[in-house]
Amino acid sequence: MSKQPPSLVAPGPHFVRRVPEGDTHERDVCGQCGHVHYANPKIIVGAVVSYRDQILLCRRAIAPRHGYWTLPAGFLEEHETPQEGALREAREEACCRIVIDALLGVYSVPHISQVQLFYRAQLDPPEFAPGPESLDTRLFLWPDIPWAELAFPSVRWALEHWHAVQGRDDFAPFTNPS
């Protein structure tokens, strides 16, 4: 039996689904005090991390997509800027320090209620190792990226967008491909 995603589960026994006064969407509302529980999209932050002409990828040690390759990325924490989150995720997943130079892409994944922010970054210094959520970390030349083993569509999008603006500083952040 599969569990419902947390955003679809009422926050407590006194909550009921209804449209609060002045709102347009059905929400979880406490039947005793009227508190509205807003379930909002989760924000994912990460980076396409390069060193010279190579890209850093992490092989996932956790579900979902255990064993597949991804970029260092994860959930933004409360009281953290997106850039701070991307730096933290690089430290946690690849035991590395990075320098962010630009926002590369903002991707919407509505079926899982996520907004994903990917930055362009460089290793500084060029040292890395698998963190607790990674089985392996490696630098790949562009033709050697394991395209068939990428964990998520947004990883491919971010890599392709990174490649499209390699060496450029004059670009607007990308969005989902059409």
N, C-alpha and C. Protein backbone atom coordinates (compact mmCIF):
# COMPACT_ATOMS: atom_id res chain seq x y z
N MET A 1 0.85 -1.18 0.00
CA MET A 1 0.00 0.00 0.00
C MET A 1 0.88 1.23 0.00
N SER A 2 0.67 2.13 -0.93
CA SER A 2 1.50 3.33 -1.01
C SER A 2 0.90 4.44 -0.17
N LYS A 3 1.79 5.23 0.42
CA LYS A 3 1.35 6.37 1.22
C LYS A 3 1.13 7.56 0.31
N GLN A 4 0.23 8.44 0.71
CA GLN A 4 0.02 9.69 -0.02
C GLN A 4 1.21 10.61 0.23
N PRO A 5 1.57 11.45 -0.75
CA PRO A 5 2.61 12.45 -0.49
C PRO A 5 2.18 13.33 0.68
N PRO A 6 3.14 13.80 1.50
CA PRO A 6 2.78 14.61 2.67
C PRO A 6 1.90 15.80 2.34
N SER A 7 2.06 16.42 1.18
CA SER A 7 1.26 17.60 0.86
C SER A 7 -0.21 17.26 0.64
N LEU A 8 -0.54 15.97 0.47
CA LEU A 8 -1.93 15.57 0.25
C LEU A 8 -2.58 15.03 1.51
N VAL A 9 -1.86 14.98 2.60
CA VAL A 9 -2.38 14.45 3.85
C VAL A 9 -2.71 15.61 4.77
N ALA A 10 -3.92 15.61 5.32
CA ALA A 10 -4.33 16.67 6.24
C ALA A 10 -3.38 16.69 7.44
N PRO A 11 -3.07 17.88 7.96
CA PRO A 11 -2.09 17.97 9.04
C PRO A 11 -2.58 17.52 10.41
N GLY A 12 -3.82 17.22 10.60
CA GLY A 12 -4.30 16.76 11.90
C GLY A 12 -5.75 16.35 11.85
N PRO A 13 -6.24 15.75 12.94
CA PRO A 13 -7.60 15.20 12.93
C PRO A 13 -8.70 16.24 12.87
N HIS A 14 -8.40 17.48 13.21
CA HIS A 14 -9.42 18.52 13.22
C HIS A 14 -9.48 19.29 11.90
N PHE A 15 -8.66 18.92 10.94
CA PHE A 15 -8.61 19.64 9.68
C PHE A 15 -9.60 19.05 8.68
N VAL A 16 -10.24 19.95 7.92
CA VAL A 16 -11.17 19.55 6.88
C VAL A 16 -10.78 20.27 5.59
N ARG A 17 -11.12 19.67 4.47
CA ARG A 17 -10.83 20.29 3.18
C ARG A 17 -11.98 21.23 2.83
N ARG A 18 -11.66 22.50 2.60
CA ARG A 18 -12.65 23.47 2.14
C ARG A 18 -11.95 24.69 1.59
N VAL A 19 -12.71 25.55 0.91
CA VAL A 19 -12.18 26.80 0.38
C VAL A 19 -12.33 27.85 1.47
N PRO A 20 -11.21 28.35 2.00
CA PRO A 20 -11.31 29.39 3.04
C PRO A 20 -11.90 30.68 2.46
N GLU A 21 -12.52 31.46 3.31
CA GLU A 21 -13.10 32.73 2.89
C GLU A 21 -12.02 33.60 2.26
N GLY A 22 -12.33 34.15 1.07
CA GLY A 22 -11.39 35.01 0.36
C GLY A 22 -10.36 34.26 -0.46
N ASP A 23 -10.44 32.94 -0.49
CA ASP A 23 -9.48 32.13 -1.25
C ASP A 23 -10.18 31.55 -2.47
N THR A 24 -9.41 30.92 -3.34
CA THR A 24 -9.98 30.30 -4.53
C THR A 24 -9.66 28.81 -4.63
N HIS A 25 -8.88 28.30 -3.69
CA HIS A 25 -8.47 26.89 -3.73
C HIS A 25 -8.92 26.17 -2.46
N GLU A 26 -9.23 24.91 -2.62
CA GLU A 26 -9.55 24.09 -1.46
C GLU A 26 -8.28 23.86 -0.66
N ARG A 27 -8.36 24.00 0.66
CA ARG A 27 -7.21 23.88 1.56
C ARG A 27 -7.60 23.03 2.76
N ASP A 28 -6.59 22.64 3.54
CA ASP A 28 -6.84 22.01 4.83
C ASP A 28 -7.04 23.12 5.85
N VAL A 29 -8.22 23.13 6.50
CA VAL A 29 -8.57 24.18 7.45
C VAL A 29 -8.96 23.52 8.77
N CYS A 30 -8.40 24.04 9.86
CA CYS A 30 -8.74 23.50 11.18
C CYS A 30 -10.19 23.87 11.50
N GLY A 31 -10.99 22.85 11.80
CA GLY A 31 -12.40 23.05 12.11
C GLY A 31 -12.61 23.70 13.46
N GLN A 32 -11.56 23.75 14.31
CA GLN A 32 -11.71 24.35 15.63
C GLN A 32 -11.28 25.81 15.67
N CYS A 33 -10.13 26.12 15.06
CA CYS A 33 -9.61 27.49 15.17
C CYS A 33 -9.58 28.24 13.85
N GLY A 34 -9.80 27.55 12.73
CA GLY A 34 -9.80 28.19 11.42
C GLY A 34 -8.44 28.35 10.77
N HIS A 35 -7.37 27.85 11.42
CA HIS A 35 -6.03 27.92 10.82
C HIS A 35 -6.03 27.23 9.46
N VAL A 36 -5.43 27.88 8.47
CA VAL A 36 -5.32 27.32 7.13
C VAL A 36 -3.92 26.74 6.97
N HIS A 37 -3.86 25.46 6.61
CA HIS A 37 -2.58 24.81 6.34
C HIS A 37 -2.33 24.87 4.84
N TYR A 38 -1.33 25.68 4.45
CA TYR A 38 -0.99 25.83 3.03
C TYR A 38 0.06 24.79 2.66
N ALA A 39 -0.24 23.98 1.66
CA ALA A 39 0.72 23.01 1.13
C ALA A 39 1.28 23.62 -0.15
N ASN A 40 2.55 24.00 -0.10
CA ASN A 40 3.18 24.69 -1.22
C ASN A 40 4.26 23.81 -1.86
N PRO A 41 4.65 24.14 -3.08
CA PRO A 41 5.69 23.36 -3.75
C PRO A 41 6.99 23.37 -2.95
N LYS A 42 7.75 22.31 -3.11
CA LYS A 42 9.07 22.20 -2.51
C LYS A 42 10.08 22.81 -3.48
N ILE A 43 11.12 23.41 -2.92
CA ILE A 43 12.17 24.01 -3.74
C ILE A 43 13.41 23.13 -3.67
N ILE A 44 13.91 22.78 -4.85
CA ILE A 44 15.13 21.99 -4.99
C ILE A 44 16.21 22.95 -5.47
N VAL A 45 17.41 22.85 -4.91
CA VAL A 45 18.54 23.67 -5.35
C VAL A 45 19.72 22.77 -5.65
N GLY A 46 20.48 23.15 -6.67
CA GLY A 46 21.66 22.38 -7.02
C GLY A 46 22.52 23.13 -8.00
N ALA A 47 23.53 22.45 -8.52
CA ALA A 47 24.47 23.11 -9.42
C ALA A 47 25.04 22.14 -10.44
N VAL A 48 25.29 22.68 -11.63
CA VAL A 48 26.13 22.00 -12.61
C VAL A 48 27.53 22.48 -12.28
N VAL A 49 28.31 21.57 -11.71
CA VAL A 49 29.65 21.91 -11.21
C VAL A 49 30.68 21.43 -12.22
N SER A 50 31.53 22.36 -12.65
CA SER A 50 32.54 21.99 -13.63
C SER A 50 33.94 22.21 -13.07
N TYR A 51 34.86 21.50 -13.69
CA TYR A 51 36.29 21.70 -13.45
C TYR A 51 36.96 21.54 -14.80
N ARG A 52 37.50 22.64 -15.30
CA ARG A 52 38.03 22.68 -16.66
C ARG A 52 36.90 22.28 -17.61
N ASP A 53 37.05 21.24 -18.39
CA ASP A 53 36.01 20.84 -19.35
C ASP A 53 35.19 19.65 -18.86
N GLN A 54 35.18 19.41 -17.55
CA GLN A 54 34.51 18.24 -17.02
C GLN A 54 33.38 18.64 -16.08
N ILE A 55 32.41 17.76 -15.96
CA ILE A 55 31.23 17.97 -15.11
C ILE A 55 31.25 16.96 -13.97
N LEU A 56 30.94 17.44 -12.76
CA LEU A 56 30.88 16.58 -11.58
C LEU A 56 29.48 15.96 -11.47
N LEU A 57 29.42 14.65 -11.43
CA LEU A 57 28.17 13.94 -11.21
C LEU A 57 28.29 13.04 -9.98
N CYS A 58 27.16 12.79 -9.34
CA CYS A 58 27.08 11.95 -8.15
C CYS A 58 26.17 10.77 -8.46
N ARG A 59 26.61 9.55 -8.08
CA ARG A 59 25.75 8.38 -8.22
C ARG A 59 24.95 8.24 -6.93
N ARG A 60 23.62 8.26 -7.06
CA ARG A 60 22.74 8.30 -5.89
C ARG A 60 22.82 7.03 -5.03
N ALA A 61 22.92 7.24 -3.72
CA ALA A 61 22.92 6.14 -2.76
C ALA A 61 21.56 6.04 -2.06
N ILE A 62 20.60 6.85 -2.49
CA ILE A 62 19.29 6.89 -1.86
C ILE A 62 18.19 6.83 -2.91
N ALA A 63 17.00 6.48 -2.47
CA ALA A 63 15.82 6.54 -3.33
C ALA A 63 15.36 7.99 -3.38
N PRO A 64 14.70 8.42 -4.40
CA PRO A 64 14.39 7.64 -5.60
C PRO A 64 15.60 7.60 -6.55
N ARG A 65 15.56 6.66 -7.46
CA ARG A 65 16.56 6.50 -8.52
C ARG A 65 17.94 6.13 -7.97
N HIS A 66 17.94 5.27 -6.95
CA HIS A 66 19.18 4.74 -6.38
C HIS A 66 20.07 4.19 -7.49
N GLY A 67 21.35 4.55 -7.48
CA GLY A 67 22.31 4.05 -8.45
C GLY A 67 22.40 4.86 -9.73
N TYR A 68 21.53 5.82 -9.92
CA TYR A 68 21.57 6.66 -11.11
C TYR A 68 22.40 7.92 -10.83
N TRP A 69 22.89 8.53 -11.89
CA TRP A 69 23.74 9.71 -11.78
C TRP A 69 22.90 10.98 -11.72
N THR A 70 23.37 11.93 -10.92
CA THR A 70 22.67 13.20 -10.77
C THR A 70 23.66 14.32 -10.52
N LEU A 71 23.17 15.51 -10.50
CA LEU A 71 23.94 16.67 -10.09
C LEU A 71 23.81 16.82 -8.58
N PRO A 72 24.79 17.44 -7.91
CA PRO A 72 24.60 17.68 -6.48
C PRO A 72 23.43 18.65 -6.28
N ALA A 73 22.38 18.16 -5.66
CA ALA A 73 21.17 18.96 -5.48
C ALA A 73 20.29 18.33 -4.41
N GLY A 74 19.39 19.13 -3.87
CA GLY A 74 18.45 18.62 -2.87
C GLY A 74 17.52 19.71 -2.40
N PHE A 75 16.76 19.40 -1.38
CA PHE A 75 15.75 20.32 -0.86
C PHE A 75 16.38 21.53 -0.18
N LEU A 76 15.86 22.71 -0.49
CA LEU A 76 16.25 23.93 0.20
C LEU A 76 15.74 23.84 1.64
N GLU A 77 16.57 24.23 2.58
CA GLU A 77 16.19 24.22 4.00
C GLU A 77 15.58 25.57 4.38
N GLU A 78 14.80 25.58 5.44
CA GLU A 78 14.27 26.84 5.94
C GLU A 78 15.41 27.76 6.34
N HIS A 79 15.20 29.06 6.16
CA HIS A 79 16.16 30.11 6.55
C HIS A 79 17.46 30.03 5.77
N GLU A 80 17.41 29.48 4.56
CA GLU A 80 18.59 29.32 3.73
C GLU A 80 18.30 29.97 2.37
N THR A 81 19.27 30.70 1.82
CA THR A 81 19.08 31.24 0.48
C THR A 81 19.29 30.10 -0.52
N PRO A 82 18.75 30.22 -1.73
CA PRO A 82 19.00 29.18 -2.73
C PRO A 82 20.49 28.93 -2.99
N GLN A 83 21.29 30.00 -3.02
CA GLN A 83 22.72 29.83 -3.23
C GLN A 83 23.37 29.07 -2.07
N GLU A 84 22.99 29.41 -0.85
CA GLU A 84 23.52 28.69 0.33
C GLU A 84 23.13 27.22 0.26
N GLY A 85 21.90 26.95 -0.18
CA GLY A 85 21.46 25.56 -0.30
C GLY A 85 22.26 24.79 -1.33
N ALA A 86 22.55 25.41 -2.47
CA ALA A 86 23.34 24.75 -3.51
C ALA A 86 24.76 24.47 -3.01
N LEU A 87 25.34 25.41 -2.29
CA LEU A 87 26.68 25.19 -1.71
C LEU A 87 26.65 24.03 -0.72
N ARG A 88 25.61 24.01 0.14
CA ARG A 88 25.48 22.94 1.14
C ARG A 88 25.30 21.59 0.48
N GLU A 89 24.44 21.52 -0.53
CA GLU A 89 24.21 20.24 -1.22
C GLU A 89 25.49 19.71 -1.87
N ALA A 90 26.30 20.59 -2.43
CA ALA A 90 27.58 20.17 -3.01
C ALA A 90 28.49 19.59 -1.92
N ARG A 91 28.52 20.25 -0.74
CA ARG A 91 29.33 19.73 0.38
C ARG A 91 28.80 18.37 0.84
N GLU A 92 27.46 18.25 0.97
CA GLU A 92 26.88 17.01 1.49
C GLU A 92 27.01 15.84 0.53
N GLU A 93 26.76 16.08 -0.75
CA GLU A 93 26.71 14.96 -1.70
C GLU A 93 28.03 14.66 -2.36
N ALA A 94 28.91 15.67 -2.46
CA ALA A 94 30.18 15.44 -3.16
C ALA A 94 31.39 15.90 -2.35
N CYS A 95 31.18 16.25 -1.08
CA CYS A 95 32.28 16.66 -0.20
C CYS A 95 33.19 17.68 -0.88
N CYS A 96 32.58 18.66 -1.54
CA CYS A 96 33.38 19.64 -2.27
C CYS A 96 32.93 21.05 -1.97
N ARG A 97 33.81 21.97 -2.28
CA ARG A 97 33.50 23.40 -2.22
C ARG A 97 33.34 23.88 -3.64
N ILE A 98 32.33 24.72 -3.84
CA ILE A 98 32.08 25.25 -5.17
C ILE A 98 31.94 26.77 -5.12
N VAL A 99 32.14 27.38 -6.28
CA VAL A 99 31.91 28.81 -6.44
C VAL A 99 30.83 28.96 -7.49
N ILE A 100 29.73 29.59 -7.11
CA ILE A 100 28.60 29.79 -8.02
C ILE A 100 28.83 31.06 -8.82
N ASP A 101 28.57 30.98 -10.14
CA ASP A 101 28.72 32.20 -10.93
C ASP A 101 27.42 32.69 -11.57
N ALA A 102 26.41 31.85 -11.71
CA ALA A 102 25.16 32.32 -12.34
C ALA A 102 24.03 31.33 -12.08
N LEU A 103 22.81 31.86 -12.08
CA LEU A 103 21.63 31.01 -12.07
C LEU A 103 21.46 30.47 -13.48
N LEU A 104 21.49 29.15 -13.62
CA LEU A 104 21.43 28.52 -14.93
C LEU A 104 20.00 28.23 -15.38
N GLY A 105 19.17 27.68 -14.48
CA GLY A 105 17.82 27.30 -14.88
C GLY A 105 16.86 27.25 -13.72
N VAL A 106 15.60 27.50 -14.04
CA VAL A 106 14.48 27.38 -13.10
C VAL A 106 13.49 26.43 -13.77
N TYR A 107 13.35 25.24 -13.21
CA TYR A 107 12.52 24.20 -13.82
C TYR A 107 11.32 23.91 -12.93
N SER A 108 10.16 23.78 -13.55
CA SER A 108 8.93 23.45 -12.83
C SER A 108 8.60 21.99 -13.07
N VAL A 109 8.31 21.28 -11.98
CA VAL A 109 7.92 19.88 -12.07
C VAL A 109 6.61 19.75 -11.28
N PRO A 110 5.49 20.20 -11.89
CA PRO A 110 4.24 20.29 -11.14
C PRO A 110 3.68 18.95 -10.67
N HIS A 111 3.94 17.86 -11.38
CA HIS A 111 3.35 16.58 -10.96
C HIS A 111 3.90 16.09 -9.62
N ILE A 112 5.07 16.61 -9.20
CA ILE A 112 5.59 16.29 -7.86
C ILE A 112 5.71 17.56 -7.01
N SER A 113 5.10 18.65 -7.50
CA SER A 113 5.03 19.91 -6.78
C SER A 113 6.41 20.43 -6.38
N GLN A 114 7.30 20.54 -7.38
CA GLN A 114 8.65 21.05 -7.14
C GLN A 114 8.98 22.19 -8.10
N VAL A 115 9.79 23.11 -7.59
CA VAL A 115 10.45 24.11 -8.41
C VAL A 115 11.94 23.87 -8.17
N GLN A 116 12.69 23.72 -9.25
CA GLN A 116 14.11 23.38 -9.14
C GLN A 116 14.96 24.53 -9.69
N LEU A 117 15.91 24.96 -8.87
CA LEU A 117 16.84 26.02 -9.25
C LEU A 117 18.22 25.41 -9.39
N PHE A 118 18.80 25.53 -10.58
CA PHE A 118 20.15 25.02 -10.80
C PHE A 118 21.08 26.18 -11.15
N TYR A 119 22.24 26.17 -10.52
CA TYR A 119 23.26 27.18 -10.74
C TYR A 119 24.39 26.60 -11.57
N ARG A 120 25.18 27.48 -12.15
CA ARG A 120 26.42 27.11 -12.81
C ARG A 120 27.52 27.40 -11.79
N ALA A 121 28.43 26.43 -11.60
CA ALA A 121 29.45 26.59 -10.57
C ALA A 121 30.73 25.86 -10.98
N GLN A 122 31.81 26.21 -10.28
CA GLN A 122 33.10 25.56 -10.49
C GLN A 122 33.59 24.97 -9.18
N LEU A 123 34.35 23.87 -9.30
CA LEU A 123 35.01 23.30 -8.13
C LEU A 123 36.10 24.25 -7.66
N ASP A 124 36.22 24.46 -6.36
CA ASP A 124 37.27 25.31 -5.82
C ASP A 124 37.57 24.90 -4.39
N PRO A 125 38.59 24.10 -4.16
CA PRO A 125 39.58 23.50 -5.07
C PRO A 125 38.99 22.26 -5.75
N PRO A 126 39.72 21.69 -6.72
CA PRO A 126 39.20 20.52 -7.45
C PRO A 126 39.32 19.22 -6.65
N GLU A 127 38.69 19.19 -5.49
CA GLU A 127 38.70 18.01 -4.62
C GLU A 127 37.26 17.62 -4.34
N PHE A 128 36.97 16.32 -4.38
CA PHE A 128 35.62 15.83 -4.13
C PHE A 128 35.68 14.37 -3.73
N ALA A 129 34.60 13.90 -3.13
CA ALA A 129 34.46 12.50 -2.70
C ALA A 129 32.98 12.24 -2.46
N PRO A 130 32.56 10.98 -2.50
CA PRO A 130 31.14 10.70 -2.22
C PRO A 130 30.76 11.07 -0.79
N GLY A 131 29.63 11.75 -0.66
CA GLY A 131 29.06 12.02 0.65
C GLY A 131 28.13 10.88 1.03
N PRO A 132 27.43 10.99 2.14
CA PRO A 132 26.55 9.90 2.61
C PRO A 132 25.41 9.55 1.66
N GLU A 133 24.99 10.49 0.80
CA GLU A 133 23.90 10.22 -0.14
C GLU A 133 24.39 9.82 -1.51
N SER A 134 25.71 9.62 -1.65
CA SER A 134 26.30 9.28 -2.96
C SER A 134 27.12 8.00 -2.87
N LEU A 135 26.96 7.14 -3.87
CA LEU A 135 27.78 5.94 -3.98
C LEU A 135 29.13 6.24 -4.60
N ASP A 136 29.15 7.25 -5.48
CA ASP A 136 30.34 7.58 -6.24
C ASP A 136 30.21 9.02 -6.71
N THR A 137 31.33 9.67 -6.92
CA THR A 137 31.37 11.00 -7.53
C THR A 137 32.48 10.97 -8.57
N ARG A 138 32.21 11.55 -9.74
CA ARG A 138 33.21 11.54 -10.81
C ARG A 138 33.09 12.79 -11.66
N LEU A 139 34.22 13.13 -12.29
CA LEU A 139 34.22 14.16 -13.31
C LEU A 139 34.10 13.48 -14.66
N PHE A 140 33.20 14.01 -15.51
CA PHE A 140 32.96 13.44 -16.84
C PHE A 140 33.23 14.50 -17.91
N LEU A 141 33.94 14.12 -18.95
CA LEU A 141 33.98 14.93 -20.15
C LEU A 141 32.61 14.86 -20.81
N TRP A 142 32.22 15.88 -21.55
CA TRP A 142 30.89 15.95 -22.15
C TRP A 142 30.50 14.66 -22.89
N PRO A 143 31.33 14.11 -23.78
CA PRO A 143 30.90 12.91 -24.50
C PRO A 143 30.79 11.66 -23.63
N ASP A 144 31.38 11.71 -22.44
CA ASP A 144 31.38 10.53 -21.56
C ASP A 144 30.28 10.54 -20.50
N ILE A 145 29.46 11.59 -20.48
CA ILE A 145 28.36 11.65 -19.50
C ILE A 145 27.46 10.44 -19.72
N PRO A 146 27.09 9.72 -18.66
CA PRO A 146 26.23 8.53 -18.80
C PRO A 146 24.76 8.92 -18.99
N TRP A 147 24.44 9.41 -20.18
CA TRP A 147 23.12 9.97 -20.47
C TRP A 147 21.98 9.00 -20.16
N ALA A 148 22.15 7.74 -20.44
CA ALA A 148 21.09 6.75 -20.21
C ALA A 148 20.91 6.43 -18.72
N GLU A 149 21.85 6.87 -17.90
CA GLU A 149 21.80 6.57 -16.46
C GLU A 149 21.56 7.82 -15.62
N LEU A 150 21.05 8.89 -16.21
CA LEU A 150 20.75 10.10 -15.43
C LEU A 150 19.46 9.90 -14.65
N ALA A 151 19.45 10.38 -13.43
CA ALA A 151 18.35 10.11 -12.50
C ALA A 151 17.04 10.82 -12.87
N PHE A 152 17.12 12.04 -13.36
CA PHE A 152 15.90 12.83 -13.55
C PHE A 152 15.98 13.65 -14.83
N PRO A 153 14.84 13.95 -15.45
CA PRO A 153 14.85 14.79 -16.66
C PRO A 153 15.52 16.15 -16.43
N SER A 154 15.32 16.73 -15.26
CA SER A 154 15.90 18.05 -15.00
C SER A 154 17.42 18.02 -14.97
N VAL A 155 18.02 16.89 -14.66
CA VAL A 155 19.48 16.77 -14.71
C VAL A 155 19.93 16.93 -16.17
N ARG A 156 19.25 16.25 -17.08
CA ARG A 156 19.57 16.38 -18.50
C ARG A 156 19.38 17.83 -18.97
N TRP A 157 18.24 18.44 -18.57
CA TRP A 157 17.98 19.82 -18.98
C TRP A 157 19.11 20.74 -18.53
N ALA A 158 19.49 20.63 -17.24
CA ALA A 158 20.53 21.52 -16.71
C ALA A 158 21.86 21.28 -17.42
N LEU A 159 22.20 20.02 -17.67
CA LEU A 159 23.45 19.73 -18.39
C LEU A 159 23.43 20.32 -19.79
N GLU A 160 22.32 20.13 -20.51
CA GLU A 160 22.23 20.66 -21.87
C GLU A 160 22.26 22.19 -21.88
N HIS A 161 21.62 22.81 -20.88
CA HIS A 161 21.64 24.26 -20.80
C HIS A 161 23.04 24.76 -20.44
N TRP A 162 23.73 24.06 -19.54
CA TRP A 162 25.12 24.41 -19.22
C TRP A 162 25.98 24.37 -20.49
N HIS A 163 25.81 23.31 -21.26
CA HIS A 163 26.60 23.15 -22.49
C HIS A 163 26.30 24.28 -23.48
N ALA A 164 25.04 24.68 -23.56
CA ALA A 164 24.64 25.73 -24.51
C ALA A 164 25.26 27.09 -24.19
N VAL A 165 25.58 27.34 -22.93
CA VAL A 165 26.13 28.65 -22.55
C VAL A 165 27.56 28.55 -22.02
N GLN A 166 28.21 27.45 -22.28
CA GLN A 166 29.58 27.28 -21.82
C GLN A 166 30.44 28.43 -22.34
N GLY A 167 31.14 29.09 -21.44
CA GLY A 167 31.99 30.21 -21.81
C GLY A 167 31.26 31.54 -21.95
N ARG A 168 29.96 31.57 -21.74
CA ARG A 168 29.17 32.80 -21.86
C ARG A 168 28.71 33.29 -20.50
N ASP A 169 28.64 34.59 -20.36
CA ASP A 169 28.11 35.19 -19.13
C ASP A 169 26.83 35.97 -19.39
N ASP A 170 26.41 36.06 -20.65
CA ASP A 170 25.29 36.89 -21.04
C ASP A 170 24.06 36.06 -21.41
N PHE A 171 23.50 35.38 -20.44
CA PHE A 171 22.32 34.56 -20.72
C PHE A 171 21.32 34.73 -19.58
N ALA A 172 20.07 34.57 -19.95
CA ALA A 172 18.99 34.54 -18.94
C ALA A 172 18.82 33.11 -18.48
N PRO A 173 18.38 32.88 -17.25
CA PRO A 173 18.15 31.51 -16.80
C PRO A 173 17.16 30.79 -17.72
N PHE A 174 17.43 29.53 -17.94
CA PHE A 174 16.57 28.68 -18.76
C PHE A 174 15.37 28.22 -17.95
N THR A 175 14.35 27.70 -18.68
CA THR A 175 13.19 27.07 -18.07
C THR A 175 13.00 25.71 -18.73
N ASN A 176 11.94 25.02 -18.37
CA ASN A 176 11.67 23.70 -18.94
C ASN A 176 11.72 23.75 -20.45
N PRO A 177 12.35 22.74 -21.07
CA PRO A 177 12.31 22.68 -22.54
C PRO A 177 10.87 22.47 -23.02
N SER A 178 10.59 22.96 -24.19
CA SER A 178 9.22 22.83 -24.76
C SER A 178 8.97 21.42 -25.21
